[in-house]
Amino acid sequence: MEKIDRRSALGLGAAVFATVAALPRSATAAMYGEDAGAEIVPGIRLVELGTRDSMISAYKSIVMLDLIFAPGAVFPEDTMEHDMVCQCIEGELQIKQGAMEFPVKPGDVYSCGKGTTEQATNAGSEAAVMRVIEMHA
């Protein structure tokens, strides 16, 4: 058996890494399986995380959910039924609120007021997850 020197080991390691990095990746979010939640529009799944009574006097309850966007999925423009706070948990999304448009990346937080319109698009090549906390009056 031949000895492997450092240079050969490094080359072999680089070749293995390049092969693994080139493998196709799943379109599912890392934190969820591909069948998590229920599909609400093509390419977008809703995972309900919980509901609780609100301690904020203006709201009766708080609802938390995740929306999983497949690459290329678009949540069509819709009018918000509740005040809400949204956070990008995974991937990247392009958000359009009325005339304003902005990207959101993991960790970015933004809000939507009841009656405003919003459209969300995953223009990336990987799944994205938007966490939504709705405040129900």
N, C-alpha and C. Protein backbone atom coordinates (compact mmCIF):
# COMPACT_ATOMS: atom_id res chain seq x y z
N MET A 1 0.84 -1.17 0.00
CA MET A 1 0.00 0.00 0.00
C MET A 1 0.88 1.24 0.00
N GLU A 2 0.57 2.19 -0.87
CA GLU A 2 1.36 3.40 -0.97
C GLU A 2 0.95 4.39 0.09
N LYS A 3 1.93 5.20 0.53
CA LYS A 3 1.63 6.25 1.48
C LYS A 3 1.04 7.44 0.74
N ILE A 4 0.13 8.12 1.39
CA ILE A 4 -0.45 9.33 0.81
C ILE A 4 0.19 10.51 1.49
N ASP A 5 0.82 11.38 0.69
CA ASP A 5 1.42 12.57 1.30
C ASP A 5 0.37 13.67 1.45
N ARG A 6 0.76 14.75 2.11
CA ARG A 6 -0.18 15.85 2.37
C ARG A 6 -0.77 16.43 1.10
N ARG A 7 0.04 16.60 0.09
CA ARG A 7 -0.43 17.20 -1.16
C ARG A 7 -1.50 16.33 -1.81
N SER A 8 -1.30 15.01 -1.81
CA SER A 8 -2.29 14.10 -2.38
C SER A 8 -3.58 14.12 -1.58
N ALA A 9 -3.45 14.12 -0.25
CA ALA A 9 -4.64 14.15 0.61
C ALA A 9 -5.42 15.44 0.40
N LEU A 10 -4.72 16.55 0.29
CA LEU A 10 -5.38 17.84 0.07
C LEU A 10 -6.10 17.85 -1.28
N GLY A 11 -5.46 17.32 -2.30
CA GLY A 11 -6.08 17.24 -3.62
C GLY A 11 -7.31 16.36 -3.62
N LEU A 12 -7.22 15.23 -2.94
CA LEU A 12 -8.36 14.32 -2.85
C LEU A 12 -9.50 14.99 -2.09
N GLY A 13 -9.19 15.67 -1.00
CA GLY A 13 -10.23 16.39 -0.23
C GLY A 13 -10.91 17.45 -1.07
N ALA A 14 -10.14 18.20 -1.85
CA ALA A 14 -10.71 19.24 -2.70
C ALA A 14 -11.61 18.63 -3.77
N ALA A 15 -11.21 17.49 -4.32
CA ALA A 15 -12.03 16.83 -5.34
C ALA A 15 -13.35 16.35 -4.75
N VAL A 16 -13.32 15.78 -3.55
CA VAL A 16 -14.54 15.32 -2.90
C VAL A 16 -15.45 16.50 -2.61
N PHE A 17 -14.89 17.59 -2.08
CA PHE A 17 -15.69 18.79 -1.78
C PHE A 17 -16.35 19.33 -3.04
N ALA A 18 -15.60 19.42 -4.14
CA ALA A 18 -16.15 19.94 -5.39
C ALA A 18 -17.28 19.05 -5.90
N THR A 19 -17.14 17.75 -5.74
CA THR A 19 -18.19 16.83 -6.18
C THR A 19 -19.46 17.01 -5.35
N VAL A 20 -19.31 17.08 -4.04
CA VAL A 20 -20.47 17.24 -3.16
C VAL A 20 -21.13 18.59 -3.39
N ALA A 21 -20.34 19.65 -3.56
CA ALA A 21 -20.89 20.99 -3.78
C ALA A 21 -21.66 21.07 -5.09
N ALA A 22 -21.31 20.25 -6.06
CA ALA A 22 -21.97 20.29 -7.37
C ALA A 22 -23.27 19.48 -7.41
N LEU A 23 -23.54 18.69 -6.38
CA LEU A 23 -24.77 17.89 -6.37
C LEU A 23 -25.98 18.81 -6.30
N PRO A 24 -27.08 18.46 -6.96
CA PRO A 24 -28.28 19.30 -6.90
C PRO A 24 -28.83 19.35 -5.48
N ARG A 25 -29.33 20.51 -5.10
CA ARG A 25 -29.91 20.70 -3.78
C ARG A 25 -31.43 20.64 -3.85
N SER A 26 -32.01 20.22 -2.76
CA SER A 26 -33.46 20.13 -2.68
C SER A 26 -34.06 21.53 -2.66
N ALA A 27 -35.27 21.65 -3.18
CA ALA A 27 -35.98 22.93 -3.18
C ALA A 27 -36.72 23.14 -1.87
N THR A 28 -36.57 22.23 -0.91
CA THR A 28 -37.25 22.39 0.36
C THR A 28 -36.39 23.18 1.33
N ALA A 29 -37.04 23.83 2.26
CA ALA A 29 -36.33 24.58 3.28
C ALA A 29 -35.61 23.60 4.20
N ALA A 30 -34.44 23.99 4.67
CA ALA A 30 -33.64 23.11 5.51
C ALA A 30 -34.38 22.74 6.80
N MET A 31 -35.22 23.65 7.30
CA MET A 31 -35.89 23.40 8.56
C MET A 31 -37.19 22.60 8.42
N TYR A 32 -37.61 22.32 7.19
CA TYR A 32 -38.86 21.60 6.95
C TYR A 32 -38.67 20.54 5.88
N GLY A 33 -39.46 19.47 5.96
CA GLY A 33 -39.49 18.48 4.90
C GLY A 33 -40.32 19.00 3.74
N GLU A 34 -40.25 18.33 2.62
CA GLU A 34 -40.94 18.83 1.42
C GLU A 34 -42.46 18.77 1.51
N ASP A 35 -42.99 17.98 2.45
CA ASP A 35 -44.44 17.88 2.59
C ASP A 35 -44.96 18.63 3.82
N ALA A 36 -44.14 19.49 4.41
CA ALA A 36 -44.57 20.22 5.61
C ALA A 36 -45.72 21.16 5.27
N GLY A 37 -46.66 21.27 6.18
CA GLY A 37 -47.77 22.20 6.00
C GLY A 37 -48.68 21.83 4.84
N ALA A 38 -49.40 22.84 4.37
CA ALA A 38 -50.35 22.65 3.26
C ALA A 38 -50.07 23.69 2.19
N GLU A 39 -50.12 23.26 0.92
CA GLU A 39 -49.90 24.20 -0.18
C GLU A 39 -51.11 25.12 -0.30
N ILE A 40 -50.84 26.44 -0.24
CA ILE A 40 -51.95 27.41 -0.31
C ILE A 40 -52.02 28.10 -1.67
N VAL A 41 -50.92 28.24 -2.34
CA VAL A 41 -50.84 28.66 -3.75
C VAL A 41 -49.69 27.85 -4.33
N PRO A 42 -49.61 27.70 -5.65
CA PRO A 42 -48.54 26.87 -6.22
C PRO A 42 -47.16 27.31 -5.73
N GLY A 43 -46.42 26.35 -5.14
CA GLY A 43 -45.06 26.61 -4.70
C GLY A 43 -44.94 27.24 -3.32
N ILE A 44 -46.05 27.46 -2.63
CA ILE A 44 -45.99 28.07 -1.29
C ILE A 44 -46.80 27.22 -0.33
N ARG A 45 -46.13 26.81 0.76
CA ARG A 45 -46.75 25.98 1.77
C ARG A 45 -46.88 26.76 3.07
N LEU A 46 -47.97 26.53 3.79
CA LEU A 46 -48.25 27.20 5.06
C LEU A 46 -48.11 26.20 6.20
N VAL A 47 -47.28 26.55 7.19
CA VAL A 47 -47.11 25.74 8.39
C VAL A 47 -47.60 26.57 9.56
N GLU A 48 -48.65 26.09 10.22
CA GLU A 48 -49.21 26.80 11.37
C GLU A 48 -48.41 26.43 12.61
N LEU A 49 -47.87 27.43 13.31
CA LEU A 49 -47.00 27.19 14.45
C LEU A 49 -47.71 27.35 15.79
N GLY A 50 -48.73 28.20 15.86
CA GLY A 50 -49.43 28.33 17.12
C GLY A 50 -50.27 29.58 17.22
N THR A 51 -51.20 29.56 18.17
CA THR A 51 -52.09 30.68 18.44
C THR A 51 -52.14 30.86 19.96
N ARG A 52 -52.19 32.11 20.37
CA ARG A 52 -52.26 32.40 21.80
C ARG A 52 -53.04 33.68 22.03
N ASP A 53 -53.72 33.78 23.16
CA ASP A 53 -54.39 35.03 23.52
C ASP A 53 -53.34 36.13 23.63
N SER A 54 -53.73 37.33 23.24
CA SER A 54 -52.80 38.46 23.26
C SER A 54 -52.84 39.18 24.61
N MET A 55 -51.69 39.62 25.03
CA MET A 55 -51.58 40.47 26.23
C MET A 55 -51.58 41.94 25.83
N ILE A 56 -51.66 42.22 24.54
CA ILE A 56 -51.72 43.58 24.02
C ILE A 56 -53.20 43.92 23.87
N SER A 57 -53.65 44.98 24.52
CA SER A 57 -55.09 45.26 24.60
C SER A 57 -55.76 45.48 23.25
N ALA A 58 -55.03 45.90 22.25
CA ALA A 58 -55.62 46.16 20.93
C ALA A 58 -55.92 44.87 20.15
N TYR A 59 -55.39 43.74 20.62
CA TYR A 59 -55.53 42.49 19.89
C TYR A 59 -56.08 41.38 20.78
N LYS A 60 -56.93 40.54 20.18
CA LYS A 60 -57.53 39.42 20.91
C LYS A 60 -56.58 38.23 20.96
N SER A 61 -55.93 37.94 19.81
CA SER A 61 -55.04 36.78 19.74
C SER A 61 -53.86 37.06 18.82
N ILE A 62 -52.83 36.24 18.99
CA ILE A 62 -51.63 36.30 18.17
C ILE A 62 -51.50 34.94 17.48
N VAL A 63 -51.23 34.95 16.16
CA VAL A 63 -51.07 33.72 15.39
C VAL A 63 -49.69 33.74 14.75
N MET A 64 -48.95 32.64 14.89
CA MET A 64 -47.63 32.55 14.28
C MET A 64 -47.63 31.42 13.26
N LEU A 65 -47.07 31.71 12.07
CA LEU A 65 -47.02 30.72 11.00
C LEU A 65 -45.80 30.96 10.14
N ASP A 66 -45.42 29.94 9.40
CA ASP A 66 -44.32 30.04 8.43
C ASP A 66 -44.87 29.80 7.03
N LEU A 67 -44.39 30.56 6.08
CA LEU A 67 -44.68 30.34 4.67
C LEU A 67 -43.39 29.87 4.02
N ILE A 68 -43.44 28.72 3.37
CA ILE A 68 -42.27 28.16 2.69
C ILE A 68 -42.44 28.41 1.20
N PHE A 69 -41.52 29.17 0.62
CA PHE A 69 -41.56 29.53 -0.80
C PHE A 69 -40.56 28.67 -1.57
N ALA A 70 -41.03 27.90 -2.54
CA ALA A 70 -40.13 27.20 -3.45
C ALA A 70 -39.46 28.24 -4.36
N PRO A 71 -38.31 27.91 -4.94
CA PRO A 71 -37.68 28.86 -5.86
C PRO A 71 -38.65 29.27 -6.97
N GLY A 72 -38.75 30.56 -7.22
CA GLY A 72 -39.63 31.08 -8.27
C GLY A 72 -41.07 31.29 -7.84
N ALA A 73 -41.43 30.86 -6.65
CA ALA A 73 -42.83 30.98 -6.19
C ALA A 73 -43.19 32.43 -5.91
N VAL A 74 -44.43 32.78 -6.24
CA VAL A 74 -44.93 34.14 -6.03
C VAL A 74 -46.22 34.07 -5.23
N PHE A 75 -46.25 34.79 -4.11
CA PHE A 75 -47.50 34.96 -3.38
C PHE A 75 -48.16 36.17 -4.01
N PRO A 76 -49.30 36.00 -4.67
CA PRO A 76 -49.90 37.11 -5.42
C PRO A 76 -50.28 38.27 -4.51
N GLU A 77 -50.33 39.46 -5.11
CA GLU A 77 -50.69 40.65 -4.34
C GLU A 77 -52.01 40.42 -3.62
N ASP A 78 -52.02 40.74 -2.33
CA ASP A 78 -53.19 40.48 -1.51
C ASP A 78 -53.30 41.60 -0.47
N THR A 79 -54.50 41.85 0.00
CA THR A 79 -54.73 42.85 1.05
C THR A 79 -54.62 42.17 2.40
N MET A 80 -53.83 42.76 3.29
CA MET A 80 -53.61 42.19 4.61
C MET A 80 -54.86 42.32 5.47
N GLU A 81 -55.29 41.21 6.06
CA GLU A 81 -56.47 41.19 6.91
C GLU A 81 -56.15 41.57 8.36
N HIS A 82 -54.86 41.55 8.71
CA HIS A 82 -54.45 41.82 10.09
C HIS A 82 -53.15 42.62 10.08
N ASP A 83 -52.88 43.33 11.18
CA ASP A 83 -51.54 43.87 11.39
C ASP A 83 -50.63 42.66 11.60
N MET A 84 -49.40 42.75 11.10
CA MET A 84 -48.49 41.62 11.27
C MET A 84 -47.03 42.07 11.21
N VAL A 85 -46.19 41.22 11.77
CA VAL A 85 -44.74 41.39 11.70
C VAL A 85 -44.21 40.15 10.99
N CYS A 86 -43.32 40.37 10.01
CA CYS A 86 -42.77 39.26 9.23
C CYS A 86 -41.25 39.25 9.35
N GLN A 87 -40.69 38.06 9.31
CA GLN A 87 -39.23 37.92 9.34
C GLN A 87 -38.82 36.85 8.35
N CYS A 88 -37.77 37.13 7.59
CA CYS A 88 -37.21 36.13 6.69
C CYS A 88 -36.32 35.22 7.55
N ILE A 89 -36.64 33.94 7.57
CA ILE A 89 -35.91 32.96 8.38
C ILE A 89 -34.84 32.27 7.54
N GLU A 90 -35.15 32.04 6.27
CA GLU A 90 -34.26 31.28 5.40
C GLU A 90 -34.44 31.77 3.97
N GLY A 91 -33.38 31.79 3.19
CA GLY A 91 -33.45 32.22 1.80
C GLY A 91 -33.60 33.73 1.67
N GLU A 92 -34.06 34.18 0.51
CA GLU A 92 -34.26 35.60 0.26
C GLU A 92 -35.56 35.80 -0.50
N LEU A 93 -36.26 36.88 -0.17
CA LEU A 93 -37.52 37.20 -0.82
C LEU A 93 -37.50 38.64 -1.31
N GLN A 94 -38.28 38.91 -2.33
CA GLN A 94 -38.50 40.28 -2.82
C GLN A 94 -39.93 40.64 -2.43
N ILE A 95 -40.08 41.71 -1.67
CA ILE A 95 -41.38 42.12 -1.15
C ILE A 95 -41.82 43.40 -1.86
N LYS A 96 -43.09 43.44 -2.24
CA LYS A 96 -43.68 44.64 -2.82
C LYS A 96 -44.88 45.02 -1.95
N GLN A 97 -44.79 46.19 -1.33
CA GLN A 97 -45.89 46.72 -0.52
C GLN A 97 -46.32 48.02 -1.17
N GLY A 98 -47.49 48.01 -1.81
CA GLY A 98 -47.94 49.20 -2.53
C GLY A 98 -46.91 49.58 -3.59
N ALA A 99 -46.42 50.83 -3.56
CA ALA A 99 -45.44 51.30 -4.52
C ALA A 99 -44.01 51.00 -4.09
N MET A 100 -43.81 50.52 -2.87
CA MET A 100 -42.48 50.27 -2.34
C MET A 100 -42.09 48.81 -2.58
N GLU A 101 -40.83 48.59 -2.97
CA GLU A 101 -40.32 47.24 -3.20
C GLU A 101 -38.96 47.12 -2.53
N PHE A 102 -38.72 45.97 -1.86
CA PHE A 102 -37.45 45.80 -1.14
C PHE A 102 -37.13 44.32 -0.98
N PRO A 103 -35.83 43.99 -0.88
CA PRO A 103 -35.44 42.60 -0.63
C PRO A 103 -35.42 42.33 0.88
N VAL A 104 -35.67 41.09 1.26
CA VAL A 104 -35.48 40.66 2.64
C VAL A 104 -34.60 39.42 2.65
N LYS A 105 -33.62 39.44 3.55
CA LYS A 105 -32.67 38.34 3.69
C LYS A 105 -32.83 37.74 5.09
N PRO A 106 -32.22 36.60 5.35
CA PRO A 106 -32.37 35.99 6.67
C PRO A 106 -32.09 36.98 7.80
N GLY A 107 -33.03 37.04 8.72
CA GLY A 107 -32.92 37.94 9.86
C GLY A 107 -33.62 39.27 9.68
N ASP A 108 -33.93 39.66 8.43
CA ASP A 108 -34.62 40.92 8.19
C ASP A 108 -36.06 40.84 8.70
N VAL A 109 -36.52 41.92 9.32
CA VAL A 109 -37.87 42.01 9.87
C VAL A 109 -38.56 43.21 9.24
N TYR A 110 -39.86 43.08 8.96
CA TYR A 110 -40.65 44.20 8.46
C TYR A 110 -42.09 44.01 8.91
N SER A 111 -42.91 45.03 8.74
CA SER A 111 -44.30 44.94 9.20
C SER A 111 -45.26 45.27 8.07
N CYS A 112 -46.50 44.83 8.26
CA CYS A 112 -47.60 45.10 7.33
C CYS A 112 -48.79 45.56 8.15
N GLY A 113 -49.44 46.60 7.71
CA GLY A 113 -50.63 47.07 8.40
C GLY A 113 -51.88 46.50 7.76
N LYS A 114 -52.89 46.31 8.59
CA LYS A 114 -54.18 45.84 8.09
C LYS A 114 -54.65 46.77 6.96
N GLY A 115 -55.09 46.18 5.85
CA GLY A 115 -55.57 46.95 4.71
C GLY A 115 -54.51 47.29 3.68
N THR A 116 -53.22 47.07 3.99
CA THR A 116 -52.18 47.32 3.00
C THR A 116 -52.09 46.12 2.05
N THR A 117 -51.46 46.33 0.90
CA THR A 117 -51.30 45.23 -0.05
C THR A 117 -49.84 44.78 -0.06
N GLU A 118 -49.67 43.50 -0.36
CA GLU A 118 -48.31 42.95 -0.41
C GLU A 118 -48.24 41.82 -1.41
N GLN A 119 -47.08 41.71 -2.06
CA GLN A 119 -46.76 40.58 -2.93
C GLN A 119 -45.37 40.13 -2.52
N ALA A 120 -45.14 38.83 -2.47
CA ALA A 120 -43.83 38.29 -2.09
C ALA A 120 -43.37 37.30 -3.16
N THR A 121 -42.09 37.40 -3.55
CA THR A 121 -41.54 36.55 -4.59
C THR A 121 -40.21 35.96 -4.13
N ASN A 122 -40.03 34.67 -4.37
CA ASN A 122 -38.73 34.04 -4.14
C ASN A 122 -38.04 33.97 -5.49
N ALA A 123 -37.15 34.93 -5.74
CA ALA A 123 -36.42 34.97 -7.01
C ALA A 123 -35.13 34.17 -6.92
N GLY A 124 -34.86 33.57 -5.77
CA GLY A 124 -33.63 32.82 -5.58
C GLY A 124 -33.72 31.40 -6.09
N SER A 125 -32.61 30.67 -5.94
CA SER A 125 -32.54 29.28 -6.42
C SER A 125 -32.77 28.28 -5.28
N GLU A 126 -32.99 28.78 -4.07
CA GLU A 126 -33.25 27.91 -2.92
C GLU A 126 -34.56 28.31 -2.26
N ALA A 127 -35.11 27.41 -1.48
CA ALA A 127 -36.35 27.70 -0.76
C ALA A 127 -36.14 28.85 0.21
N ALA A 128 -37.21 29.56 0.51
CA ALA A 128 -37.18 30.66 1.48
C ALA A 128 -38.31 30.45 2.46
N VAL A 129 -38.10 30.91 3.71
CA VAL A 129 -39.12 30.80 4.74
C VAL A 129 -39.39 32.18 5.31
N MET A 130 -40.67 32.57 5.29
CA MET A 130 -41.11 33.82 5.91
C MET A 130 -41.91 33.46 7.15
N ARG A 131 -41.43 33.93 8.32
CA ARG A 131 -42.20 33.74 9.56
C ARG A 131 -43.13 34.95 9.70
N VAL A 132 -44.40 34.68 9.99
CA VAL A 132 -45.42 35.72 10.10
C VAL A 132 -46.04 35.65 11.49
N ILE A 133 -46.15 36.79 12.13
CA ILE A 133 -46.87 36.89 13.40
C ILE A 133 -48.02 37.85 13.16
N GLU A 134 -49.23 37.31 13.13
CA GLU A 134 -50.44 38.10 12.88
C GLU A 134 -51.06 38.50 14.21
N MET A 135 -51.51 39.76 14.29
CA MET A 135 -52.21 40.25 15.46
C MET A 135 -53.68 40.36 15.10
N HIS A 136 -54.52 39.51 15.70
CA HIS A 136 -55.95 39.48 15.40
C HIS A 136 -56.72 40.33 16.40
N ALA A 137 -57.50 41.27 15.87
CA ALA A 137 -58.29 42.16 16.73
C ALA A 137 -59.52 41.45 17.25
